[in-house]
Amino acid sequence: MIDLSGPLRQLGANTNFIEQVRAQFLAAAGPEANQKFSAMVGGLLSGRLTVNDIRTEAKSAADQLKELKRDLGEDSGWALDGYLTILESFLRETARPPSDSATNVVRPLPEVNSPSKK
């Protein structure tokens, strides 16, 4: 697992960045969403929460959005696509590599076909 303690400390020192994220993604959100964001950022910065904890929350939210999208149908479900895209992107970017793969394994580069080779 990746050690994020250093970058998280830097993030905590940069409150402007945290507020920019809040303004960009939560400007129209209600107080509950803003409180949840604050609690999760605070937990992550203090070490009470891990990236895996945040992934669990994101997965749950994505599943709920998919269900709501199905319930709303094609006419209104598209309104949730932006949120769903953000959550799914986070889940992909923070996914653990398969347990059978080592991170320090040197693998050969694929051969590139160049015009000089025939």
PDB file of N, CA and C in Angstrom:
ATOM      1  N   MET A   1       0.843  -1.177   0.000  1.00  0.00           N
ATOM      2  CA  MET A   1       0.000   0.000   0.000  1.00  0.00           C
ATOM      3  C   MET A   1       0.889   1.241   0.000  1.00  0.00           C
ATOM      4  N   ILE A   2       0.445   2.271  -0.644  1.00  0.00           N
ATOM      5  CA  ILE A   2       1.191   3.508  -0.785  1.00  0.00           C
ATOM      6  C   ILE A   2       1.104   4.307   0.512  1.00  0.00           C
ATOM      7  N   ASP A   3       2.246   4.879   0.929  1.00  0.00           N
ATOM      8  CA  ASP A   3       2.269   5.722   2.121  1.00  0.00           C
ATOM      9  C   ASP A   3       1.915   7.144   1.706  1.00  0.00           C
ATOM     10  N   LEU A   4       0.765   7.613   2.149  1.00  0.00           N
ATOM     11  CA  LEU A   4       0.302   8.946   1.781  1.00  0.00           C
ATOM     12  C   LEU A   4       0.459   9.957   2.902  1.00  0.00           C
ATOM     13  N   SER A   5       1.159   9.602   3.962  1.00  0.00           N
ATOM     14  CA  SER A   5       1.233  10.499   5.115  1.00  0.00           C
ATOM     15  C   SER A   5       1.894  11.833   4.763  1.00  0.00           C
ATOM     16  N   GLY A   6       2.970  11.802   3.983  1.00  0.00           N
ATOM     17  CA  GLY A   6       3.643  13.051   3.597  1.00  0.00           C
ATOM     18  C   GLY A   6       2.764  13.959   2.761  1.00  0.00           C
ATOM     19  N   PRO A   7       2.230  13.446   1.648  1.00  0.00           N
ATOM     20  CA  PRO A   7       1.338  14.286   0.845  1.00  0.00           C
ATOM     21  C   PRO A   7       0.110  14.780   1.609  1.00  0.00           C
ATOM     22  N   LEU A   8      -0.414  13.950   2.519  1.00  0.00           N
ATOM     23  CA  LEU A   8      -1.582  14.379   3.275  1.00  0.00           C
ATOM     24  C   LEU A   8      -1.238  15.514   4.238  1.00  0.00           C
ATOM     25  N   ARG A   9      -0.043  15.454   4.829  1.00  0.00           N
ATOM     26  CA  ARG A   9       0.371  16.557   5.699  1.00  0.00           C
ATOM     27  C   ARG A   9       0.484  17.847   4.888  1.00  0.00           C
ATOM     28  N   GLN A  10       1.024  17.730   3.678  1.00  0.00           N
ATOM     29  CA  GLN A  10       1.135  18.910   2.807  1.00  0.00           C
ATOM     30  C   GLN A  10      -0.248  19.427   2.429  1.00  0.00           C
ATOM     31  N   LEU A  11      -1.165  18.505   2.163  1.00  0.00           N
ATOM     32  CA  LEU A  11      -2.526  18.893   1.822  1.00  0.00           C
ATOM     33  C   LEU A  11      -3.165  19.622   2.999  1.00  0.00           C
ATOM     34  N   GLY A  12      -2.959  19.121   4.194  1.00  0.00           N
ATOM     35  CA  GLY A  12      -3.528  19.745   5.381  1.00  0.00           C
ATOM     36  C   GLY A  12      -3.004  21.149   5.593  1.00  0.00           C
ATOM     37  N   ALA A  13      -1.760  21.377   5.194  1.00  0.00           N
ATOM     38  CA  ALA A  13      -1.176  22.710   5.330  1.00  0.00           C
ATOM     39  C   ALA A  13      -1.710  23.659   4.263  1.00  0.00           C
ATOM     40  N   ASN A  14      -2.266  23.118   3.201  1.00  0.00           N
ATOM     41  CA  ASN A  14      -2.758  23.933   2.104  1.00  0.00           C
ATOM     42  C   ASN A  14      -4.279  24.030   2.167  1.00  0.00           C
ATOM     43  N   THR A  15      -4.770  24.828   3.102  1.00  0.00           N
ATOM     44  CA  THR A  15      -6.222  24.943   3.272  1.00  0.00           C
ATOM     45  C   THR A  15      -6.864  25.604   2.067  1.00  0.00           C
ATOM     46  N   ASN A  16      -6.109  26.416   1.315  1.00  0.00           N
ATOM     47  CA  ASN A  16      -6.678  27.023   0.108  1.00  0.00           C
ATOM     48  C   ASN A  16      -7.095  25.947  -0.887  1.00  0.00           C
ATOM     49  N   PHE A  17      -6.271  24.914  -1.037  1.00  0.00           N
ATOM     50  CA  PHE A  17      -6.596  23.836  -1.976  1.00  0.00           C
ATOM     51  C   PHE A  17      -7.860  23.113  -1.536  1.00  0.00           C
ATOM     52  N   ILE A  18      -7.958  22.823  -0.258  1.00  0.00           N
ATOM     53  CA  ILE A  18      -9.140  22.127   0.259  1.00  0.00           C
ATOM     54  C   ILE A  18     -10.388  22.969   0.013  1.00  0.00           C
ATOM     55  N   GLU A  19     -10.291  24.260   0.219  1.00  0.00           N
ATOM     56  CA  GLU A  19     -11.440  25.143  -0.014  1.00  0.00           C
ATOM     57  C   GLU A  19     -11.761  25.264  -1.499  1.00  0.00           C
ATOM     58  N   GLN A  20     -10.746  25.193  -2.362  1.00  0.00           N
ATOM     59  CA  GLN A  20     -10.995  25.209  -3.808  1.00  0.00           C
ATOM     60  C   GLN A  20     -11.781  23.963  -4.215  1.00  0.00           C
ATOM     61  N   VAL A  21     -11.398  22.821  -3.672  1.00  0.00           N
ATOM     62  CA  VAL A  21     -12.123  21.583  -3.962  1.00  0.00           C
ATOM     63  C   VAL A  21     -13.557  21.714  -3.481  1.00  0.00           C
ATOM     64  N   ARG A  22     -13.729  22.227  -2.279  1.00  0.00           N
ATOM     65  CA  ARG A  22     -15.080  22.409  -1.729  1.00  0.00           C
ATOM     66  C   ARG A  22     -15.895  23.337  -2.637  1.00  0.00           C
ATOM     67  N   ALA A  23     -15.313  24.445  -3.046  1.00  0.00           N
ATOM     68  CA  ALA A  23     -16.033  25.402  -3.889  1.00  0.00           C
ATOM     69  C   ALA A  23     -16.381  24.802  -5.252  1.00  0.00           C
ATOM     70  N   GLN A  24     -15.475  24.047  -5.819  1.00  0.00           N
ATOM     71  CA  GLN A  24     -15.699  23.488  -7.144  1.00  0.00           C
ATOM     72  C   GLN A  24     -16.756  22.390  -7.142  1.00  0.00           C
ATOM     73  N   PHE A  25     -16.692  21.503  -6.156  1.00  0.00           N
ATOM     74  CA  PHE A  25     -17.566  20.339  -6.173  1.00  0.00           C
ATOM     75  C   PHE A  25     -18.767  20.433  -5.239  1.00  0.00           C
ATOM     76  N   LEU A  26     -18.695  21.286  -4.230  1.00  0.00           N
ATOM     77  CA  LEU A  26     -19.771  21.308  -3.239  1.00  0.00           C
ATOM     78  C   LEU A  26     -20.461  22.661  -3.113  1.00  0.00           C
ATOM     79  N   ALA A  27     -20.235  23.552  -4.069  1.00  0.00           N
ATOM     80  CA  ALA A  27     -20.815  24.892  -3.984  1.00  0.00           C
ATOM     81  C   ALA A  27     -22.334  24.845  -3.881  1.00  0.00           C
ATOM     82  N   ALA A  28     -22.963  23.974  -4.647  1.00  0.00           N
ATOM     83  CA  ALA A  28     -24.420  23.892  -4.648  1.00  0.00           C
ATOM     84  C   ALA A  28     -24.944  22.814  -3.704  1.00  0.00           C
ATOM     85  N   ALA A  29     -24.039  22.137  -3.015  1.00  0.00           N
ATOM     86  CA  ALA A  29     -24.455  21.052  -2.116  1.00  0.00           C
ATOM     87  C   ALA A  29     -24.998  21.626  -0.814  1.00  0.00           C
ATOM     88  N   GLY A  30     -25.776  20.829  -0.159  1.00  0.00           N
ATOM     89  CA  GLY A  30     -26.354  21.244   1.114  1.00  0.00           C
ATOM     90  C   GLY A  30     -25.357  21.152   2.252  1.00  0.00           C
ATOM     91  N   PRO A  31     -25.758  21.587   3.418  1.00  0.00           N
ATOM     92  CA  PRO A  31     -24.859  21.569   4.578  1.00  0.00           C
ATOM     93  C   PRO A  31     -24.415  20.167   4.977  1.00  0.00           C
ATOM     94  N   GLU A  32     -25.272  19.168   4.746  1.00  0.00           N
ATOM     95  CA  GLU A  32     -24.903  17.800   5.107  1.00  0.00           C
ATOM     96  C   GLU A  32     -23.707  17.324   4.290  1.00  0.00           C
ATOM     97  N   ALA A  33     -23.721  17.620   2.990  1.00  0.00           N
ATOM     98  CA  ALA A  33     -22.614  17.206   2.120  1.00  0.00           C
ATOM     99  C   ALA A  33     -21.328  17.930   2.511  1.00  0.00           C
ATOM    100  N   ASN A  34     -21.435  19.198   2.832  1.00  0.00           N
ATOM    101  CA  ASN A  34     -20.254  19.960   3.244  1.00  0.00           C
ATOM    102  C   ASN A  34     -19.713  19.471   4.577  1.00  0.00           C
ATOM    103  N   GLN A  35     -20.609  19.116   5.495  1.00  0.00           N
ATOM    104  CA  GLN A  35     -20.162  18.579   6.779  1.00  0.00           C
ATOM    105  C   GLN A  35     -19.489  17.223   6.595  1.00  0.00           C
ATOM    106  N   LYS A  36     -20.028  16.395   5.712  1.00  0.00           N
ATOM    107  CA  LYS A  36     -19.431  15.091   5.434  1.00  0.00           C
ATOM    108  C   LYS A  36     -18.041  15.271   4.836  1.00  0.00           C
ATOM    109  N   PHE A  37     -17.904  16.191   3.888  1.00  0.00           N
ATOM    110  CA  PHE A  37     -16.609  16.481   3.278  1.00  0.00           C
ATOM    111  C   PHE A  37     -15.610  16.910   4.351  1.00  0.00           C
ATOM    112  N   SER A  38     -16.016  17.842   5.197  1.00  0.00           N
ATOM    113  CA  SER A  38     -15.122  18.321   6.264  1.00  0.00           C
ATOM    114  C   SER A  38     -14.712  17.196   7.197  1.00  0.00           C
ATOM    115  N   ALA A  39     -15.669  16.366   7.575  1.00  0.00           N
ATOM    116  CA  ALA A  39     -15.372  15.254   8.481  1.00  0.00           C
ATOM    117  C   ALA A  39     -14.404  14.267   7.834  1.00  0.00           C
ATOM    118  N   MET A  40     -14.612  13.972   6.547  1.00  0.00           N
ATOM    119  CA  MET A  40     -13.748  12.999   5.877  1.00  0.00           C
ATOM    120  C   MET A  40     -12.343  13.569   5.653  1.00  0.00           C
ATOM    121  N   VAL A  41     -12.241  14.820   5.249  1.00  0.00           N
ATOM    122  CA  VAL A  41     -10.917  15.427   5.073  1.00  0.00           C
ATOM    123  C   VAL A  41     -10.199  15.488   6.415  1.00  0.00           C
ATOM    124  N   GLY A  42     -10.917  15.900   7.460  1.00  0.00           N
ATOM    125  CA  GLY A  42     -10.321  15.945   8.789  1.00  0.00           C
ATOM    126  C   GLY A  42      -9.855  14.580   9.261  1.00  0.00           C
ATOM    127  N   GLY A  43     -10.678  13.564   9.030  1.00  0.00           N
ATOM    128  CA  GLY A  43     -10.311  12.199   9.416  1.00  0.00           C
ATOM    129  C   GLY A  43      -9.115  11.688   8.643  1.00  0.00           C
ATOM    130  N   LEU A  44      -9.068  12.005   7.357  1.00  0.00           N
ATOM    131  CA  LEU A  44      -7.948  11.574   6.526  1.00  0.00           C
ATOM    132  C   LEU A  44      -6.655  12.265   6.951  1.00  0.00           C
ATOM    133  N   LEU A  45      -6.733  13.559   7.212  1.00  0.00           N
ATOM    134  CA  LEU A  45      -5.539  14.313   7.609  1.00  0.00           C
ATOM    135  C   LEU A  45      -5.040  13.935   9.001  1.00  0.00           C
ATOM    136  N   SER A  46      -5.958  13.564   9.885  1.00  0.00           N
ATOM    137  CA  SER A  46      -5.562  13.214  11.252  1.00  0.00           C
ATOM    138  C   SER A  46      -5.130  11.755  11.377  1.00  0.00           C
ATOM    139  N   GLY A  47      -5.432  10.958  10.360  1.00  0.00           N
ATOM    140  CA  GLY A  47      -5.088   9.545  10.424  1.00  0.00           C
ATOM    141  C   GLY A  47      -6.201   8.665  10.969  1.00  0.00           C
ATOM    142  N   ARG A  48      -7.335   9.271  11.344  1.00  0.00           N
ATOM    143  CA  ARG A  48      -8.470   8.469  11.812  1.00  0.00           C
ATOM    144  C   ARG A  48      -9.100   7.679  10.670  1.00  0.00           C
ATOM    145  N   LEU A  49      -8.972   8.183   9.448  1.00  0.00           N
ATOM    146  CA  LEU A  49      -9.476   7.497   8.263  1.00  0.00           C
ATOM    147  C   LEU A  49      -8.310   7.171   7.336  1.00  0.00           C
ATOM    148  N   THR A  50      -8.444   6.085   6.619  1.00  0.00           N
ATOM    149  CA  THR A  50      -7.440   5.722   5.619  1.00  0.00           C
ATOM    150  C   THR A  50      -8.043   5.916   4.228  1.00  0.00           C
ATOM    151  N   VAL A  51      -7.197   5.839   3.230  1.00  0.00           N
ATOM    152  CA  VAL A  51      -7.685   5.919   1.860  1.00  0.00           C
ATOM    153  C   VAL A  51      -8.666   4.775   1.606  1.00  0.00           C
ATOM    154  N   ASN A  52      -8.409   3.625   2.191  1.00  0.00           N
ATOM    155  CA  ASN A  52      -9.323   2.500   2.036  1.00  0.00           C
ATOM    156  C   ASN A  52     -10.700   2.808   2.632  1.00  0.00           C
ATOM    157  N   ASP A  53     -10.729   3.514   3.759  1.00  0.00           N
ATOM    158  CA  ASP A  53     -12.006   3.931   4.352  1.00  0.00           C
ATOM    159  C   ASP A  53     -12.754   4.852   3.391  1.00  0.00           C
ATOM    160  N   ILE A  54     -12.029   5.774   2.776  1.00  0.00           N
ATOM    161  CA  ILE A  54     -12.641   6.704   1.828  1.00  0.00           C
ATOM    162  C   ILE A  54     -13.139   5.937   0.600  1.00  0.00           C
ATOM    163  N   ARG A  55     -12.369   4.941   0.152  1.00  0.00           N
ATOM    164  CA  ARG A  55     -12.789   4.118  -0.985  1.00  0.00           C
ATOM    165  C   ARG A  55     -14.102   3.403  -0.672  1.00  0.00           C
ATOM    166  N   THR A  56     -14.227   2.892   0.552  1.00  0.00           N
ATOM    167  CA  THR A  56     -15.453   2.205   0.955  1.00  0.00           C
ATOM    168  C   THR A  56     -16.644   3.155   0.865  1.00  0.00           C
ATOM    169  N   GLU A  57     -16.456   4.364   1.351  1.00  0.00           N
ATOM    170  CA  GLU A  57     -17.515   5.386   1.276  1.00  0.00           C
ATOM    171  C   GLU A  57     -17.841   5.711  -0.180  1.00  0.00           C
ATOM    172  N   ALA A  58     -16.813   5.869  -1.005  1.00  0.00           N
ATOM    173  CA  ALA A  58     -17.017   6.205  -2.421  1.00  0.00           C
ATOM    174  C   ALA A  58     -17.754   5.085  -3.147  1.00  0.00           C
ATOM    175  N   LYS A  59     -17.392   3.846  -2.842  1.00  0.00           N
ATOM    176  CA  LYS A  59     -18.049   2.689  -3.473  1.00  0.00           C
ATOM    177  C   LYS A  59     -19.524   2.656  -3.088  1.00  0.00           C
ATOM    178  N   SER A  60     -19.811   2.885  -1.822  1.00  0.00           N
ATOM    179  CA  SER A  60     -21.193   2.903  -1.354  1.00  0.00           C
ATOM    180  C   SER A  60     -21.981   4.018  -2.045  1.00  0.00           C
ATOM    181  N   ALA A  61     -21.394   5.199  -2.137  1.00  0.00           N
ATOM    182  CA  ALA A  61     -22.066   6.326  -2.793  1.00  0.00           C
ATOM    183  C   ALA A  61     -22.297   6.035  -4.271  1.00  0.00           C
ATOM    184  N   ALA A  62     -21.305   5.448  -4.941  1.00  0.00           N
ATOM    185  CA  ALA A  62     -21.446   5.117  -6.364  1.00  0.00           C
ATOM    186  C   ALA A  62     -22.570   4.104  -6.563  1.00  0.00           C
ATOM    187  N   ASP A  63     -22.629   3.103  -5.712  1.00  0.00           N
ATOM    188  CA  ASP A  63     -23.692   2.094  -5.811  1.00  0.00           C
ATOM    189  C   ASP A  63     -25.075   2.736  -5.611  1.00  0.00           C
ATOM    190  N   GLN A  64     -25.165   3.647  -4.650  1.00  0.00           N
ATOM    191  CA  GLN A  64     -26.433   4.331  -4.401  1.00  0.00           C
ATOM    192  C   GLN A  64     -26.827   5.207  -5.588  1.00  0.00           C
ATOM    193  N   LEU A  65     -25.841   5.886  -6.187  1.00  0.00           N
ATOM    194  CA  LEU A  65     -26.130   6.728  -7.351  1.00  0.00           C
ATOM    195  C   LEU A  65     -26.587   5.886  -8.541  1.00  0.00           C
ATOM    196  N   LYS A  66     -25.963   4.734  -8.737  1.00  0.00           N
ATOM    197  CA  LYS A  66     -26.374   3.850  -9.840  1.00  0.00           C
ATOM    198  C   LYS A  66     -27.813   3.392  -9.651  1.00  0.00           C
ATOM    199  N   GLU A  67     -28.176   3.046  -8.424  1.00  0.00           N
ATOM    200  CA  GLU A  67     -29.545   2.617  -8.135  1.00  0.00           C
ATOM    201  C   GLU A  67     -30.526   3.763  -8.365  1.00  0.00           C
ATOM    202  N   LEU A  68     -30.175   4.949  -7.893  1.00  0.00           N
ATOM    203  CA  LEU A  68     -31.031   6.114  -8.088  1.00  0.00           C
ATOM    204  C   LEU A  68     -31.173   6.438  -9.568  1.00  0.00           C
ATOM    205  N   LYS A  69     -30.076   6.304 -10.301  1.00  0.00           N
ATOM    206  CA  LYS A  69     -30.094   6.567 -11.740  1.00  0.00           C
ATOM    207  C   LYS A  69     -31.055   5.601 -12.449  1.00  0.00           C
ATOM    208  N   ARG A  70     -31.024   4.328 -12.049  1.00  0.00           N
ATOM    209  CA  ARG A  70     -31.960   3.341 -12.620  1.00  0.00           C
ATOM    210  C   ARG A  70     -33.410   3.731 -12.294  1.00  0.00           C
ATOM    211  N   ASP A  71     -33.640   4.176 -11.050  1.00  0.00           N
ATOM    212  CA  ASP A  71     -34.991   4.556 -10.633  1.00  0.00           C
ATOM    213  C   ASP A  71     -35.503   5.783 -11.395  1.00  0.00           C
ATOM    214  N   LEU A  72     -34.605   6.733 -11.659  1.00  0.00           N
ATOM    215  CA  LEU A  72     -35.002   7.958 -12.342  1.00  0.00           C
ATOM    216  C   LEU A  72     -35.249   7.740 -13.830  1.00  0.00           C
ATOM    217  N   GLY A  73     -34.570   6.765 -14.402  1.00  0.00           N
ATOM    218  CA  GLY A  73     -34.712   6.499 -15.828  1.00  0.00           C
ATOM    219  C   GLY A  73     -33.865   7.435 -16.672  1.00  0.00           C
ATOM    220  N   GLU A  74     -33.984   7.268 -17.969  1.00  0.00           N
ATOM    221  CA  GLU A  74     -33.136   8.020 -18.902  1.00  0.00           C
ATOM    222  C   GLU A  74     -33.420   9.515 -18.889  1.00  0.00           C
ATOM    223  N   ASP A  75     -34.641   9.905 -18.578  1.00  0.00           N
ATOM    224  CA  ASP A  75     -35.007  11.315 -18.628  1.00  0.00           C
ATOM    225  C   ASP A  75     -34.254  12.170 -17.612  1.00  0.00           C
ATOM    226  N   SER A  76     -33.990  11.627 -16.430  1.00  0.00           N
ATOM    227  CA  SER A  76     -33.344  12.409 -15.372  1.00  0.00           C
ATOM    228  C   SER A  76     -32.045  11.802 -14.867  1.00  0.00           C
ATOM    229  N   GLY A  77     -31.808  10.540 -15.139  1.00  0.00           N
ATOM    230  CA  GLY A  77     -30.629   9.860 -14.611  1.00  0.00           C
ATOM    231  C   GLY A  77     -29.317  10.477 -15.040  1.00  0.00           C
ATOM    232  N   TRP A  78     -29.303  11.139 -16.198  1.00  0.00           N
ATOM    233  CA  TRP A  78     -28.070  11.756 -16.700  1.00  0.00           C
ATOM    234  C   TRP A  78     -27.543  12.818 -15.737  1.00  0.00           C
ATOM    235  N   ALA A  79     -28.404  13.398 -14.927  1.00  0.00           N
ATOM    236  CA  ALA A  79     -27.984  14.462 -14.007  1.00  0.00           C
ATOM    237  C   ALA A  79     -26.983  13.953 -12.972  1.00  0.00           C
ATOM    238  N   LEU A  80     -26.941  12.654 -12.745  1.00  0.00           N
ATOM    239  CA  LEU A  80     -26.038  12.065 -11.754  1.00  0.00           C
ATOM    240  C   LEU A  80     -24.700  11.636 -12.355  1.00  0.00           C
ATOM    241  N   ASP A  81     -24.590  11.678 -13.672  1.00  0.00           N
ATOM    242  CA  ASP A  81     -23.399  11.165 -14.351  1.00  0.00           C
ATOM    243  C   ASP A  81     -22.108  11.842 -13.896  1.00  0.00           C
ATOM    244  N   GLY A  82     -22.122  13.140 -13.688  1.00  0.00           N
ATOM    245  CA  GLY A  82     -20.903  13.842 -13.260  1.00  0.00           C
ATOM    246  C   GLY A  82     -20.387  13.349 -11.925  1.00  0.00           C
ATOM    247  N   TYR A  83     -21.297  13.199 -10.982  1.00  0.00           N
ATOM    248  CA  TYR A  83     -20.914  12.692  -9.656  1.00  0.00           C
ATOM    249  C   TYR A  83     -20.404  11.256  -9.743  1.00  0.00           C
ATOM    250  N   LEU A  84     -21.104  10.459 -10.538  1.00  0.00           N
ATOM    251  CA  LEU A  84     -20.725   9.057 -10.695  1.00  0.00           C
ATOM    252  C   LEU A  84     -19.353   8.938 -11.354  1.00  0.00           C
ATOM    253  N   THR A  85     -19.076   9.785 -12.320  1.00  0.00           N
ATOM    254  CA  THR A  85     -17.775   9.782 -12.993  1.00  0.00           C
ATOM    255  C   THR A  85     -16.654  10.103 -12.015  1.00  0.00           C
ATOM    256  N   ILE A  86     -16.860  11.082 -11.155  1.00  0.00           N
ATOM    257  CA  ILE A  86     -15.850  11.460 -10.157  1.00  0.00           C
ATOM    258  C   ILE A  86     -15.584  10.296  -9.211  1.00  0.00           C
ATOM    259  N   LEU A  87     -16.644   9.672  -8.710  1.00  0.00           N
ATOM    260  CA  LEU A  87     -16.487   8.550  -7.779  1.00  0.00           C
ATOM    261  C   LEU A  87     -15.786   7.372  -8.437  1.00  0.00           C
ATOM    262  N   GLU A  88     -16.208   7.030  -9.651  1.00  0.00           N
ATOM    263  CA  GLU A  88     -15.593   5.887 -10.330  1.00  0.00           C
ATOM    264  C   GLU A  88     -14.135   6.161 -10.681  1.00  0.00           C
ATOM    265  N   SER A  89     -13.815   7.388 -11.022  1.00  0.00           N
ATOM    266  CA  SER A  89     -12.425   7.750 -11.299  1.00  0.00           C
ATOM    267  C   SER A  89     -11.571   7.591 -10.041  1.00  0.00           C
ATOM    268  N   PHE A  90     -12.085   8.063  -8.907  1.00  0.00           N
ATOM    269  CA  PHE A  90     -11.365   7.912  -7.640  1.00  0.00           C
ATOM    270  C   PHE A  90     -11.153   6.437  -7.314  1.00  0.00           C
ATOM    271  N   LEU A  91     -12.186   5.636  -7.511  1.00  0.00           N
ATOM    272  CA  LEU A  91     -12.067   4.207  -7.213  1.00  0.00           C
ATOM    273  C   LEU A  91     -11.029   3.534  -8.103  1.00  0.00           C
ATOM    274  N   ARG A  92     -10.991   3.902  -9.375  1.00  0.00           N
ATOM    275  CA  ARG A  92      -9.979   3.328 -10.279  1.00  0.00           C
ATOM    276  C   ARG A  92      -8.571   3.761  -9.878  1.00  0.00           C
ATOM    277  N   GLU A  93      -8.413   5.052  -9.582  1.00  0.00           N
ATOM    278  CA  GLU A  93      -7.090   5.596  -9.273  1.00  0.00           C
ATOM    279  C   GLU A  93      -6.527   5.089  -7.950  1.00  0.00           C
ATOM    280  N   THR A  94      -7.384   4.675  -7.054  1.00  0.00           N
ATOM    281  CA  THR A  94      -6.910   4.230  -5.742  1.00  0.00           C
ATOM    282  C   THR A  94      -7.013   2.720  -5.561  1.00  0.00           C
ATOM    283  N   ALA A  95      -7.323   2.023  -6.637  1.00  0.00           N
ATOM    284  CA  ALA A  95      -7.441   0.562  -6.555  1.00  0.00           C
ATOM    285  C   ALA A  95      -6.087  -0.048  -6.244  1.00  0.00           C
ATOM    286  N   ARG A  96      -6.109  -1.072  -5.428  1.00  0.00           N
ATOM    287  CA  ARG A  96      -4.878  -1.805  -5.100  1.00  0.00           C
ATOM    288  C   ARG A  96      -4.488  -2.671  -6.279  1.00  0.00           C
ATOM    289  N   PRO A  97      -3.185  -2.830  -6.510  1.00  0.00           N
ATOM    290  CA  PRO A  97      -2.784  -3.776  -7.558  1.00  0.00           C
ATOM    291  C   PRO A  97      -3.125  -5.186  -7.108  1.00  0.00           C
ATOM    292  N   PRO A  98      -3.302  -6.115  -8.054  1.00  0.00           N
ATOM    293  CA  PRO A  98      -3.582  -7.499  -7.665  1.00  0.00           C
ATOM    294  C   PRO A  98      -2.509  -8.014  -6.713  1.00  0.00           C
ATOM    295  N   SER A  99      -2.912  -8.838  -5.758  1.00  0.00           N
ATOM    296  CA  SER A  99      -1.988  -9.298  -4.717  1.00  0.00           C
ATOM    297  C   SER A  99      -0.855 -10.149  -5.265  1.00  0.00           C
ATOM    298  N   ASP A 100      -1.029 -10.736  -6.452  1.00  0.00           N
ATOM    299  CA  ASP A 100       0.033 -11.574  -6.993  1.00  0.00           C
ATOM    300  C   ASP A 100       1.053 -10.786  -7.808  1.00  0.00           C
ATOM    301  N   SER A 101       0.870  -9.473  -7.907  1.00  0.00           N
ATOM    302  CA  SER A 101       1.845  -8.688  -8.662  1.00  0.00           C
ATOM    303  C   SER A 101       2.720  -7.902  -7.698  1.00  0.00           C
ATOM    304  N   ALA A 102       3.988  -7.930  -7.950  1.00  0.00           N
ATOM    305  CA  ALA A 102       4.941  -7.189  -7.121  1.00  0.00           C
ATOM    306  C   ALA A 102       5.177  -5.830  -7.762  1.00  0.00           C
ATOM    307  N   THR A 103       5.434  -4.831  -6.948  1.00  0.00           N
ATOM    308  CA  THR A 103       5.613  -3.493  -7.498  1.00  0.00           C
ATOM    309  C   THR A 103       7.033  -3.253  -7.986  1.00  0.00           C
ATOM    310  N   ASN A 104       7.992  -4.039  -7.540  1.00  0.00           N
ATOM    311  CA  ASN A 104       9.383  -3.813  -7.924  1.00  0.00           C
ATOM    312  C   ASN A 104       9.894  -4.827  -8.944  1.00  0.00           C
ATOM    313  N   VAL A 105       8.991  -5.450  -9.664  1.00  0.00           N
ATOM    314  CA  VAL A 105       9.388  -6.424 -10.666  1.00  0.00           C
ATOM    315  C   VAL A 105       9.759  -5.687 -11.942  1.00  0.00           C
ATOM    316  N   VAL A 106      10.906  -6.036 -12.501  1.00  0.00           N
ATOM    317  CA  VAL A 106      11.325  -5.440 -13.763  1.00  0.00           C
ATOM    318  C   VAL A 106      10.756  -6.303 -14.876  1.00  0.00           C
ATOM    319  N   ARG A 107       9.968  -5.677 -15.715  1.00  0.00           N
ATOM    320  CA  ARG A 107       9.372  -6.395 -16.832  1.00  0.00           C
ATOM    321  C   ARG A 107       9.987  -5.872 -18.117  1.00  0.00           C
ATOM    322  N   PRO A 108      10.195  -6.744 -19.103  1.00  0.00           N
ATOM    323  CA  PRO A 108      10.766  -6.276 -20.362  1.00  0.00           C
ATOM    324  C   PRO A 108       9.801  -5.336 -21.072  1.00  0.00           C
ATOM    325  N   LEU A 109      10.375  -4.349 -21.745  1.00  0.00           N
ATOM    326  CA  LEU A 109       9.555  -3.431 -22.514  1.00  0.00           C
ATOM    327  C   LEU A 109       9.073  -4.128 -23.773  1.00  0.00           C
ATOM    328  N   PRO A 110       7.878  -3.795 -24.239  1.00  0.00           N
ATOM    329  CA  PRO A 110       7.411  -4.405 -25.472  1.00  0.00           C
ATOM    330  C   PRO A 110       8.263  -3.937 -26.650  1.00  0.00           C
ATOM    331  N   GLU A 111       8.434  -4.813 -27.598  1.00  0.00           N
ATOM    332  CA  GLU A 111       9.238  -4.466 -28.767  1.00  0.00           C
ATOM    333  C   GLU A 111       8.454  -3.492 -29.630  1.00  0.00           C
ATOM    334  N   VAL A 112       9.147  -2.454 -30.054  1.00  0.00           N
ATOM    335  CA  VAL A 112       8.517  -1.437 -30.909  1.00  0.00           C
ATOM    336  C   VAL A 112       8.964  -1.689 -32.329  1.00  0.00           C
ATOM    337  N   ASN A 113       8.019  -1.743 -33.223  1.00  0.00           N
ATOM    338  CA  ASN A 113       8.363  -1.915 -34.636  1.00  0.00           C
ATOM    339  C   ASN A 113       8.795  -0.587 -35.209  1.00  0.00           C
ATOM    340  N   SER A 114      10.049  -0.524 -35.603  1.00  0.00           N
ATOM    341  CA  SER A 114      10.561   0.711 -36.177  1.00  0.00           C
ATOM    342  C   SER A 114      10.744   0.510 -37.676  1.00  0.00           C
ATOM    343  N   PRO A 115      10.744   1.582 -38.471  1.00  0.00           N
ATOM    344  CA  PRO A 115      10.893   1.449 -39.923  1.00  0.00           C
ATOM    345  C   PRO A 115      12.213   0.805 -40.318  1.00  0.00           C
ATOM    346  N   SER A 116      13.266   0.935 -39.485  1.00  0.00           N
ATOM    347  CA  SER A 116      14.568   0.371 -39.844  1.00  0.00           C
ATOM    348  C   SER A 116      14.619  -1.135 -39.621  1.00  0.00           C
ATOM    349  N   LYS A 117      13.702  -1.680 -38.828  1.00  0.00           N
ATOM    350  CA  LYS A 117      13.671  -3.129 -38.559  1.00  0.00           C
ATOM    351  C   LYS A 117      12.753  -3.807 -39.540  1.00  0.00           C
ATOM    352  N   LYS A 118      13.187  -4.902 -40.127  1.00  0.00           N
ATOM    353  CA  LYS A 118      12.332  -5.673 -41.016  1.00  0.00           C
ATOM    354  C   LYS A 118      12.534  -7.125 -40.793  1.00  0.00           C
TER     355      LYS A 118
END
